[in-house]
Amino acid sequence: MNVWSEGELCSYLNDFSERLTQRTEEVHESLRSLSSSTSGICVALENATNKFAILSNSQFIENRVYEDEETLFEKSCPKPGI
């Protein structure tokens, strides 16, 4: 190898190093953005799960109240005998 080709090789390796470093930083930023988005989606999913649980509990209570009202109505109004 002569001095000229060693200089070209050194220049190429420096350019390659800079491109690799830049690309690595871009990938790192993309991963950080993906992580942030994933965390936001996780929170939204947990909120939806909690809302469904609240709705389920609310409907259970409403059904229970209706059943208790029907039982009280049946006890206070006896059925006519056949």
N, C-alpha and C. Protein backbone atom coordinates (compact mmCIF):
# COMPACT_ATOMS: atom_id res chain seq x y z
N MET A 1 0.85 -1.18 0.00
CA MET A 1 0.00 0.00 0.00
C MET A 1 0.88 1.23 0.00
N ASN A 2 0.48 2.18 -0.79
CA ASN A 2 1.26 3.42 -0.79
C ASN A 2 0.59 4.46 0.08
N VAL A 3 1.21 5.58 0.24
CA VAL A 3 0.71 6.64 1.13
C VAL A 3 -0.63 7.16 0.65
N TRP A 4 -0.81 7.26 -0.64
CA TRP A 4 -2.07 7.77 -1.19
C TRP A 4 -3.23 6.84 -0.85
N SER A 5 -3.07 5.57 -1.04
CA SER A 5 -4.16 4.63 -0.75
C SER A 5 -4.42 4.54 0.76
N GLU A 6 -3.37 4.70 1.57
CA GLU A 6 -3.58 4.71 3.02
C GLU A 6 -4.39 5.94 3.43
N GLY A 7 -4.15 7.07 2.80
CA GLY A 7 -4.92 8.29 3.07
C GLY A 7 -6.37 8.12 2.66
N GLU A 8 -6.58 7.50 1.49
CA GLU A 8 -7.95 7.25 1.03
C GLU A 8 -8.67 6.29 1.98
N LEU A 9 -7.96 5.25 2.41
CA LEU A 9 -8.53 4.28 3.33
C LEU A 9 -8.90 4.96 4.65
N CYS A 10 -8.02 5.80 5.14
CA CYS A 10 -8.29 6.52 6.39
C CYS A 10 -9.50 7.45 6.23
N SER A 11 -9.59 8.14 5.11
CA SER A 11 -10.73 9.02 4.84
C SER A 11 -12.02 8.22 4.74
N TYR A 12 -11.97 7.08 4.05
CA TYR A 12 -13.15 6.23 3.92
C TYR A 12 -13.60 5.71 5.28
N LEU A 13 -12.65 5.28 6.08
CA LEU A 13 -12.99 4.76 7.41
C LEU A 13 -13.57 5.86 8.30
N ASN A 14 -13.06 7.07 8.21
CA ASN A 14 -13.61 8.19 8.98
C ASN A 14 -15.04 8.49 8.54
N ASP A 15 -15.28 8.52 7.22
CA ASP A 15 -16.64 8.75 6.71
C ASP A 15 -17.58 7.63 7.15
N PHE A 16 -17.09 6.39 7.06
CA PHE A 16 -17.89 5.24 7.48
C PHE A 16 -18.24 5.34 8.96
N SER A 17 -17.27 5.72 9.76
CA SER A 17 -17.49 5.87 11.20
C SER A 17 -18.54 6.94 11.49
N GLU A 18 -18.47 8.06 10.79
CA GLU A 18 -19.45 9.14 10.99
C GLU A 18 -20.85 8.70 10.58
N ARG A 19 -20.95 8.01 9.43
CA ARG A 19 -22.27 7.53 8.97
C ARG A 19 -22.84 6.51 9.95
N LEU A 20 -21.96 5.62 10.42
CA LEU A 20 -22.41 4.59 11.38
C LEU A 20 -22.88 5.23 12.68
N THR A 21 -22.14 6.21 13.17
CA THR A 21 -22.52 6.92 14.39
C THR A 21 -23.84 7.65 14.20
N GLN A 22 -24.02 8.31 13.05
CA GLN A 22 -25.26 9.04 12.77
C GLN A 22 -26.44 8.07 12.70
N ARG A 23 -26.25 6.96 12.01
CA ARG A 23 -27.33 5.98 11.87
C ARG A 23 -27.68 5.36 13.23
N THR A 24 -26.67 5.12 14.05
CA THR A 24 -26.90 4.57 15.39
C THR A 24 -27.72 5.55 16.23
N GLU A 25 -27.41 6.83 16.13
CA GLU A 25 -28.18 7.84 16.86
C GLU A 25 -29.62 7.90 16.35
N GLU A 26 -29.83 7.75 15.04
CA GLU A 26 -31.19 7.75 14.48
C GLU A 26 -31.98 6.55 14.99
N VAL A 27 -31.33 5.39 15.01
CA VAL A 27 -32.00 4.18 15.51
C VAL A 27 -32.32 4.33 16.99
N HIS A 28 -31.41 4.89 17.74
CA HIS A 28 -31.63 5.11 19.17
C HIS A 28 -32.83 6.02 19.39
N GLU A 29 -32.92 7.10 18.62
CA GLU A 29 -34.05 8.02 18.74
C GLU A 29 -35.36 7.33 18.35
N SER A 30 -35.32 6.50 17.31
CA SER A 30 -36.51 5.76 16.91
C SER A 30 -36.96 4.80 18.00
N LEU A 31 -36.01 4.13 18.61
CA LEU A 31 -36.35 3.21 19.71
C LEU A 31 -36.92 3.96 20.91
N ARG A 32 -36.39 5.11 21.20
CA ARG A 32 -36.91 5.91 22.32
C ARG A 32 -38.33 6.36 22.01
N SER A 33 -38.57 6.77 20.78
CA SER A 33 -39.92 7.18 20.37
C SER A 33 -40.89 6.00 20.44
N LEU A 34 -40.43 4.83 19.99
CA LEU A 34 -41.26 3.63 20.05
C LEU A 34 -41.59 3.27 21.49
N SER A 35 -40.61 3.38 22.36
CA SER A 35 -40.83 3.09 23.77
C SER A 35 -41.85 4.05 24.38
N SER A 36 -41.76 5.31 24.02
CA SER A 36 -42.71 6.30 24.53
C SER A 36 -44.12 6.00 24.02
N SER A 37 -44.22 5.68 22.74
CA SER A 37 -45.53 5.34 22.17
C SER A 37 -46.12 4.10 22.82
N THR A 38 -45.27 3.11 23.03
CA THR A 38 -45.72 1.87 23.66
C THR A 38 -46.22 2.13 25.08
N SER A 39 -45.53 2.98 25.80
CA SER A 39 -45.97 3.32 27.16
C SER A 39 -47.33 4.02 27.13
N GLY A 40 -47.51 4.92 26.17
CA GLY A 40 -48.80 5.60 26.04
C GLY A 40 -49.93 4.64 25.71
N ILE A 41 -49.65 3.69 24.83
CA ILE A 41 -50.66 2.69 24.46
C ILE A 41 -50.98 1.80 25.65
N CYS A 42 -49.96 1.46 26.42
CA CYS A 42 -50.16 0.64 27.62
C CYS A 42 -51.09 1.35 28.61
N VAL A 43 -50.87 2.63 28.81
CA VAL A 43 -51.72 3.42 29.72
C VAL A 43 -53.15 3.46 29.19
N ALA A 44 -53.31 3.68 27.88
CA ALA A 44 -54.65 3.73 27.30
C ALA A 44 -55.36 2.38 27.45
N LEU A 45 -54.63 1.30 27.27
CA LEU A 45 -55.22 -0.03 27.42
C LEU A 45 -55.63 -0.29 28.87
N GLU A 46 -54.79 0.11 29.81
CA GLU A 46 -55.14 -0.05 31.23
C GLU A 46 -56.36 0.80 31.57
N ASN A 47 -56.46 2.01 31.01
CA ASN A 47 -57.64 2.85 31.26
C ASN A 47 -58.90 2.19 30.71
N ALA A 48 -58.80 1.62 29.51
CA ALA A 48 -59.96 0.95 28.93
C ALA A 48 -60.37 -0.25 29.78
N THR A 49 -59.38 -1.01 30.25
CA THR A 49 -59.67 -2.16 31.11
C THR A 49 -60.37 -1.71 32.39
N ASN A 50 -59.89 -0.63 32.98
CA ASN A 50 -60.52 -0.11 34.20
C ASN A 50 -61.94 0.37 33.94
N LYS A 51 -62.17 1.01 32.79
CA LYS A 51 -63.53 1.47 32.46
C LYS A 51 -64.47 0.29 32.28
N PHE A 52 -63.97 -0.78 31.65
CA PHE A 52 -64.82 -1.98 31.51
C PHE A 52 -65.11 -2.60 32.87
N ALA A 53 -64.14 -2.60 33.75
CA ALA A 53 -64.36 -3.15 35.09
C ALA A 53 -65.39 -2.32 35.84
N ILE A 54 -65.30 -1.01 35.74
CA ILE A 54 -66.27 -0.13 36.40
C ILE A 54 -67.66 -0.36 35.83
N LEU A 55 -67.75 -0.46 34.50
CA LEU A 55 -69.05 -0.71 33.85
C LEU A 55 -69.61 -2.05 34.29
N SER A 56 -68.76 -3.06 34.35
CA SER A 56 -69.21 -4.38 34.77
C SER A 56 -69.74 -4.36 36.20
N ASN A 57 -69.02 -3.69 37.08
CA ASN A 57 -69.46 -3.59 38.48
C ASN A 57 -70.76 -2.81 38.58
N SER A 58 -70.87 -1.74 37.80
CA SER A 58 -72.09 -0.93 37.82
C SER A 58 -73.29 -1.75 37.35
N GLN A 59 -73.10 -2.51 36.28
CA GLN A 59 -74.21 -3.33 35.77
C GLN A 59 -74.56 -4.44 36.76
N PHE A 60 -73.55 -5.00 37.43
CA PHE A 60 -73.82 -6.02 38.44
C PHE A 60 -74.68 -5.44 39.55
N ILE A 61 -74.34 -4.25 40.01
CA ILE A 61 -75.10 -3.60 41.08
C ILE A 61 -76.52 -3.30 40.61
N GLU A 62 -76.66 -2.78 39.37
CA GLU A 62 -78.00 -2.48 38.86
C GLU A 62 -78.83 -3.75 38.78
N ASN A 63 -78.26 -4.84 38.27
CA ASN A 63 -79.00 -6.10 38.18
C ASN A 63 -79.37 -6.60 39.56
N ARG A 64 -78.49 -6.45 40.50
CA ARG A 64 -78.75 -6.90 41.86
C ARG A 64 -79.89 -6.09 42.47
N VAL A 65 -79.91 -4.77 42.24
CA VAL A 65 -80.98 -3.92 42.75
C VAL A 65 -82.31 -4.33 42.14
N TYR A 66 -82.32 -4.58 40.82
CA TYR A 66 -83.57 -4.98 40.17
C TYR A 66 -84.07 -6.32 40.71
N GLU A 67 -83.13 -7.27 40.94
CA GLU A 67 -83.53 -8.56 41.49
C GLU A 67 -84.11 -8.39 42.89
N ASP A 68 -83.49 -7.56 43.72
CA ASP A 68 -83.98 -7.33 45.07
C ASP A 68 -85.34 -6.65 45.04
N GLU A 69 -85.55 -5.70 44.11
CA GLU A 69 -86.85 -5.04 44.00
C GLU A 69 -87.93 -6.04 43.60
N GLU A 70 -87.61 -6.94 42.68
CA GLU A 70 -88.58 -7.95 42.25
C GLU A 70 -88.92 -8.88 43.42
N THR A 71 -87.93 -9.25 44.20
CA THR A 71 -88.16 -10.11 45.36
C THR A 71 -89.06 -9.40 46.37
N LEU A 72 -88.80 -8.13 46.64
CA LEU A 72 -89.64 -7.37 47.57
C LEU A 72 -91.05 -7.24 47.03
N PHE A 73 -91.20 -7.02 45.72
CA PHE A 73 -92.51 -6.89 45.11
C PHE A 73 -93.30 -8.20 45.24
N GLU A 74 -92.61 -9.32 44.99
CA GLU A 74 -93.27 -10.63 45.08
C GLU A 74 -93.71 -10.91 46.52
N LYS A 75 -92.90 -10.51 47.49
CA LYS A 75 -93.25 -10.75 48.88
C LYS A 75 -94.42 -9.87 49.33
N SER A 76 -94.48 -8.63 48.83
CA SER A 76 -95.53 -7.73 49.26
C SER A 76 -96.84 -7.96 48.50
N CYS A 77 -96.77 -8.54 47.32
CA CYS A 77 -97.97 -8.83 46.51
C CYS A 77 -98.03 -10.32 46.28
N PRO A 78 -98.72 -11.07 47.16
CA PRO A 78 -98.79 -12.51 46.95
C PRO A 78 -99.58 -12.84 45.69
N LYS A 79 -99.21 -13.97 45.08
CA LYS A 79 -99.90 -14.42 43.85
C LYS A 79 -101.26 -14.97 44.23
N PRO A 80 -102.26 -14.70 43.38
CA PRO A 80 -103.57 -15.27 43.66
C PRO A 80 -103.56 -16.79 43.54
N GLY A 81 -104.27 -17.46 44.42
CA GLY A 81 -104.31 -18.92 44.40
C GLY A 81 -105.13 -19.45 43.24
N ILE A 82 -104.79 -20.61 42.80
CA ILE A 82 -105.51 -21.23 41.68
C ILE A 82 -106.55 -22.15 42.19
